[in-house]
Amino acid sequence: MKLPMNNTRRTFLMTVAAGSAAFAPTVRAQAARLDEKDPQAVALGYVADAAKVDTKKFPKYAAGQACANCALYQGKATDPWGGCPLFGTKQVAGKGWCSAWAKKA
């Protein structure tokens, strides 16, 4: 059975849209996560869990500070991982912290 031209085109466009939507989360999931041993992370005192901040070494830290509520965090406050311009393409933990933490406006 031969489909009219507009149905073939519609089917094609729907297939492309569905394929693109399915591919997008895969790309995002493959983004590298920042390792605490990364030289930039070490320089800024980054930890993936803010509860593990060395408060003697970083007295600026205050309870409640985390990457997810930092002005530099490039994700939603509820995202477990998000981007940070300080670490290039690597993602930081939403529960993490570093010495560059700045209060979100």
N, C-alpha and C. Protein backbone atom coordinates (compact mmCIF):
# COMPACT_ATOMS: atom_id res chain seq x y z
N MET A 1 0.83 -1.18 0.00
CA MET A 1 0.00 0.00 0.00
C MET A 1 0.88 1.24 0.00
N LYS A 2 0.61 2.13 -0.90
CA LYS A 2 1.39 3.35 -1.00
C LYS A 2 0.70 4.46 -0.23
N LEU A 3 1.46 5.11 0.68
CA LEU A 3 0.91 6.21 1.48
C LEU A 3 0.99 7.52 0.70
N PRO A 4 0.02 8.39 0.91
CA PRO A 4 0.14 9.71 0.27
C PRO A 4 1.39 10.42 0.79
N MET A 5 1.92 11.33 0.01
CA MET A 5 3.18 12.01 0.31
C MET A 5 3.18 12.69 1.67
N ASN A 6 2.08 13.35 2.06
CA ASN A 6 2.08 14.07 3.33
C ASN A 6 2.13 13.12 4.52
N ASN A 7 1.55 11.92 4.43
CA ASN A 7 1.64 10.95 5.53
C ASN A 7 3.06 10.42 5.67
N THR A 8 3.74 10.19 4.58
CA THR A 8 5.13 9.73 4.62
C THR A 8 6.00 10.80 5.26
N ARG A 9 5.80 12.01 4.86
CA ARG A 9 6.58 13.12 5.42
C ARG A 9 6.29 13.28 6.92
N ARG A 10 5.02 13.20 7.29
CA ARG A 10 4.63 13.32 8.69
C ARG A 10 5.27 12.20 9.51
N THR A 11 5.22 10.99 9.00
CA THR A 11 5.82 9.84 9.69
C THR A 11 7.32 10.05 9.85
N PHE A 12 7.97 10.52 8.80
CA PHE A 12 9.41 10.77 8.85
C PHE A 12 9.74 11.82 9.91
N LEU A 13 9.00 12.92 9.92
CA LEU A 13 9.27 13.99 10.89
C LEU A 13 9.02 13.53 12.32
N MET A 14 7.99 12.74 12.52
CA MET A 14 7.72 12.23 13.86
C MET A 14 8.83 11.27 14.31
N THR A 15 9.33 10.47 13.39
CA THR A 15 10.41 9.54 13.70
C THR A 15 11.68 10.29 14.07
N VAL A 16 12.00 11.33 13.30
CA VAL A 16 13.19 12.14 13.59
C VAL A 16 13.06 12.82 14.95
N ALA A 17 11.90 13.39 15.23
CA ALA A 17 11.67 14.06 16.52
C ALA A 17 11.80 13.09 17.68
N ALA A 18 11.22 11.91 17.54
CA ALA A 18 11.29 10.91 18.60
C ALA A 18 12.72 10.43 18.80
N GLY A 19 13.43 10.23 17.70
CA GLY A 19 14.82 9.79 17.79
C GLY A 19 15.71 10.84 18.44
N SER A 20 15.47 12.10 18.10
CA SER A 20 16.26 13.18 18.70
C SER A 20 15.99 13.29 20.19
N ALA A 21 14.74 13.16 20.59
CA ALA A 21 14.39 13.25 22.01
C ALA A 21 15.00 12.09 22.79
N ALA A 22 15.05 10.94 22.19
CA ALA A 22 15.62 9.78 22.86
C ALA A 22 17.14 9.90 22.98
N PHE A 23 17.77 10.56 22.02
CA PHE A 23 19.22 10.70 22.01
C PHE A 23 19.71 11.76 22.98
N ALA A 24 18.96 12.82 23.17
CA ALA A 24 19.38 13.95 24.00
C ALA A 24 19.74 13.55 25.43
N PRO A 25 18.93 12.77 26.16
CA PRO A 25 19.30 12.38 27.51
C PRO A 25 20.57 11.53 27.54
N THR A 26 20.80 10.75 26.51
CA THR A 26 21.99 9.91 26.45
C THR A 26 23.24 10.77 26.39
N VAL A 27 23.20 11.82 25.60
CA VAL A 27 24.34 12.72 25.49
C VAL A 27 24.59 13.40 26.82
N ARG A 28 23.53 13.88 27.47
CA ARG A 28 23.68 14.57 28.75
C ARG A 28 24.24 13.62 29.81
N ALA A 29 23.79 12.38 29.80
CA ALA A 29 24.23 11.42 30.80
C ALA A 29 25.70 11.07 30.66
N GLN A 30 26.26 11.28 29.47
CA GLN A 30 27.65 10.93 29.24
C GLN A 30 28.62 12.04 29.63
N ALA A 31 28.13 13.19 30.07
CA ALA A 31 29.01 14.28 30.47
C ALA A 31 29.87 13.83 31.64
N ALA A 32 31.14 14.17 31.59
CA ALA A 32 32.08 13.75 32.62
C ALA A 32 31.77 14.43 33.96
N ARG A 33 31.86 13.66 35.00
CA ARG A 33 31.67 14.21 36.35
C ARG A 33 33.03 14.58 36.92
N LEU A 34 33.05 15.67 37.63
CA LEU A 34 34.29 16.17 38.21
C LEU A 34 34.79 15.24 39.30
N ASP A 35 36.05 14.87 39.21
CA ASP A 35 36.70 14.03 40.21
C ASP A 35 37.33 14.96 41.25
N GLU A 36 37.19 14.62 42.51
CA GLU A 36 37.75 15.45 43.59
C GLU A 36 39.27 15.56 43.48
N LYS A 37 39.91 14.64 42.76
CA LYS A 37 41.37 14.66 42.60
C LYS A 37 41.82 15.47 41.39
N ASP A 38 40.88 15.97 40.61
CA ASP A 38 41.21 16.82 39.47
C ASP A 38 41.98 18.04 39.99
N PRO A 39 43.06 18.46 39.32
CA PRO A 39 43.86 19.58 39.82
C PRO A 39 43.06 20.86 40.10
N GLN A 40 42.12 21.20 39.23
CA GLN A 40 41.29 22.39 39.46
C GLN A 40 40.40 22.19 40.69
N ALA A 41 39.87 20.97 40.85
CA ALA A 41 39.02 20.67 42.00
C ALA A 41 39.82 20.78 43.30
N VAL A 42 41.03 20.26 43.29
CA VAL A 42 41.89 20.32 44.47
C VAL A 42 42.21 21.78 44.80
N ALA A 43 42.52 22.57 43.79
CA ALA A 43 42.86 23.98 44.00
C ALA A 43 41.71 24.76 44.64
N LEU A 44 40.47 24.37 44.31
CA LEU A 44 39.31 25.08 44.85
C LEU A 44 38.66 24.36 46.03
N GLY A 45 39.26 23.27 46.48
CA GLY A 45 38.74 22.55 47.63
C GLY A 45 37.41 21.86 47.36
N TYR A 46 37.16 21.47 46.11
CA TYR A 46 35.89 20.82 45.75
C TYR A 46 35.74 19.46 46.43
N VAL A 47 34.56 19.25 46.97
CA VAL A 47 34.17 17.94 47.48
C VAL A 47 32.77 17.64 46.92
N ALA A 48 32.50 16.38 46.61
CA ALA A 48 31.22 15.99 46.04
C ALA A 48 30.11 15.99 47.08
N ASP A 49 30.47 16.00 48.36
CA ASP A 49 29.49 16.03 49.45
C ASP A 49 29.90 17.14 50.41
N ALA A 50 29.11 18.20 50.45
CA ALA A 50 29.44 19.37 51.27
C ALA A 50 29.60 19.03 52.75
N ALA A 51 29.01 17.94 53.20
CA ALA A 51 29.15 17.54 54.60
C ALA A 51 30.60 17.14 54.92
N LYS A 52 31.41 16.92 53.90
CA LYS A 52 32.80 16.49 54.10
C LYS A 52 33.81 17.63 53.94
N VAL A 53 33.34 18.87 53.91
CA VAL A 53 34.25 20.01 53.78
C VAL A 53 35.13 20.10 55.02
N ASP A 54 36.43 20.31 54.81
CA ASP A 54 37.37 20.51 55.90
C ASP A 54 37.21 21.96 56.37
N THR A 55 36.45 22.16 57.44
CA THR A 55 36.14 23.52 57.90
C THR A 55 37.34 24.26 58.47
N LYS A 56 38.36 23.52 58.87
CA LYS A 56 39.58 24.19 59.34
C LYS A 56 40.35 24.78 58.16
N LYS A 57 40.36 24.05 57.06
CA LYS A 57 41.05 24.52 55.86
C LYS A 57 40.21 25.56 55.10
N PHE A 58 38.87 25.43 55.19
CA PHE A 58 37.96 26.34 54.49
C PHE A 58 36.96 26.94 55.48
N PRO A 59 37.40 27.89 56.31
CA PRO A 59 36.50 28.48 57.31
C PRO A 59 35.34 29.28 56.69
N LYS A 60 35.44 29.61 55.41
CA LYS A 60 34.37 30.33 54.71
C LYS A 60 33.12 29.46 54.57
N TYR A 61 33.28 28.16 54.62
CA TYR A 61 32.15 27.25 54.45
C TYR A 61 31.15 27.44 55.59
N ALA A 62 29.86 27.43 55.24
CA ALA A 62 28.79 27.49 56.23
C ALA A 62 27.79 26.39 55.90
N ALA A 63 27.21 25.80 56.91
CA ALA A 63 26.22 24.74 56.71
C ALA A 63 25.12 25.24 55.77
N GLY A 64 24.71 24.37 54.86
CA GLY A 64 23.68 24.72 53.90
C GLY A 64 24.22 25.15 52.55
N GLN A 65 25.49 25.50 52.48
CA GLN A 65 26.09 25.86 51.19
C GLN A 65 26.32 24.58 50.39
N ALA A 66 25.96 24.61 49.11
CA ALA A 66 26.16 23.48 48.21
C ALA A 66 26.19 24.01 46.78
N CYS A 67 26.73 23.22 45.89
CA CYS A 67 26.78 23.64 44.49
C CYS A 67 25.39 23.99 43.96
N ALA A 68 24.39 23.22 44.33
CA ALA A 68 23.03 23.43 43.82
C ALA A 68 22.46 24.80 44.19
N ASN A 69 22.96 25.44 45.25
CA ASN A 69 22.46 26.77 45.59
C ASN A 69 23.53 27.85 45.40
N CYS A 70 24.51 27.54 44.56
CA CYS A 70 25.57 28.48 44.21
C CYS A 70 25.18 29.24 42.95
N ALA A 71 25.58 30.50 42.86
CA ALA A 71 25.28 31.32 41.69
C ALA A 71 25.92 30.77 40.41
N LEU A 72 26.97 29.98 40.53
CA LEU A 72 27.66 29.45 39.36
C LEU A 72 27.07 28.14 38.83
N TYR A 73 26.22 27.49 39.62
CA TYR A 73 25.66 26.19 39.24
C TYR A 73 24.75 26.34 38.04
N GLN A 74 24.97 25.53 37.02
CA GLN A 74 24.21 25.63 35.77
C GLN A 74 23.18 24.52 35.62
N GLY A 75 22.51 24.21 36.67
CA GLY A 75 21.44 23.23 36.65
C GLY A 75 20.33 23.72 37.55
N LYS A 76 19.27 22.95 37.62
CA LYS A 76 18.20 23.29 38.56
C LYS A 76 18.66 22.92 39.95
N ALA A 77 18.12 23.55 40.95
CA ALA A 77 18.50 23.27 42.34
C ALA A 77 18.24 21.81 42.71
N THR A 78 17.34 21.15 42.00
CA THR A 78 17.02 19.75 42.30
C THR A 78 17.85 18.76 41.48
N ASP A 79 18.65 19.23 40.53
CA ASP A 79 19.46 18.34 39.71
C ASP A 79 20.61 17.76 40.53
N PRO A 80 20.83 16.44 40.44
CA PRO A 80 21.92 15.84 41.20
C PRO A 80 23.30 16.24 40.66
N TRP A 81 23.40 16.57 39.38
CA TRP A 81 24.65 17.01 38.76
C TRP A 81 24.35 18.17 37.84
N GLY A 82 25.28 19.09 37.73
CA GLY A 82 25.10 20.23 36.83
C GLY A 82 26.43 20.84 36.44
N GLY A 83 26.40 21.68 35.47
CA GLY A 83 27.62 22.32 35.00
C GLY A 83 28.07 23.45 35.92
N CYS A 84 29.34 23.77 35.79
CA CYS A 84 29.93 24.90 36.52
C CYS A 84 31.01 25.48 35.62
N PRO A 85 30.96 26.78 35.33
CA PRO A 85 31.96 27.36 34.44
C PRO A 85 33.40 27.24 34.94
N LEU A 86 33.58 27.03 36.21
CA LEU A 86 34.94 26.89 36.75
C LEU A 86 35.60 25.58 36.36
N PHE A 87 34.79 24.59 35.99
CA PHE A 87 35.32 23.26 35.70
C PHE A 87 35.08 22.82 34.26
N GLY A 88 34.89 23.75 33.37
CA GLY A 88 34.74 23.45 31.94
C GLY A 88 33.52 22.59 31.66
N THR A 89 33.72 21.48 30.96
CA THR A 89 32.61 20.62 30.57
C THR A 89 32.27 19.57 31.63
N LYS A 90 33.02 19.52 32.70
CA LYS A 90 32.75 18.53 33.75
C LYS A 90 31.61 19.00 34.64
N GLN A 91 30.82 18.05 35.10
CA GLN A 91 29.68 18.37 35.96
C GLN A 91 30.06 18.20 37.42
N VAL A 92 29.49 19.06 38.26
CA VAL A 92 29.72 19.00 39.70
C VAL A 92 28.47 18.42 40.38
N ALA A 93 28.66 17.85 41.53
CA ALA A 93 27.54 17.29 42.29
C ALA A 93 26.71 18.42 42.88
N GLY A 94 25.41 18.30 42.80
CA GLY A 94 24.53 19.31 43.39
C GLY A 94 24.76 19.43 44.88
N LYS A 95 25.14 18.32 45.53
CA LYS A 95 25.42 18.32 46.98
C LYS A 95 26.87 18.69 47.28
N GLY A 96 27.64 19.01 46.23
CA GLY A 96 29.05 19.33 46.41
C GLY A 96 29.28 20.75 46.90
N TRP A 97 30.55 21.13 47.00
CA TRP A 97 30.92 22.47 47.45
C TRP A 97 32.35 22.75 47.03
N CYS A 98 32.66 24.01 46.77
CA CYS A 98 34.05 24.44 46.57
C CYS A 98 34.20 25.86 47.13
N SER A 99 35.43 26.29 47.26
CA SER A 99 35.70 27.58 47.89
C SER A 99 35.23 28.77 47.06
N ALA A 100 34.81 28.55 45.83
CA ALA A 100 34.30 29.64 45.01
C ALA A 100 32.79 29.82 45.17
N TRP A 101 32.19 29.09 46.11
CA TRP A 101 30.74 29.17 46.31
C TRP A 101 30.31 30.62 46.50
N ALA A 102 29.24 31.00 45.79
CA ALA A 102 28.70 32.36 45.89
C ALA A 102 27.18 32.25 45.99
N LYS A 103 26.60 33.03 46.89
CA LYS A 103 25.16 32.98 47.12
C LYS A 103 24.40 33.33 45.85
N LYS A 104 23.42 32.49 45.54
CA LYS A 104 22.55 32.73 44.38
C LYS A 104 21.64 33.91 44.68
N ALA A 105 21.51 34.80 43.71
CA ALA A 105 20.68 36.00 43.91
C ALA A 105 19.21 35.68 44.05
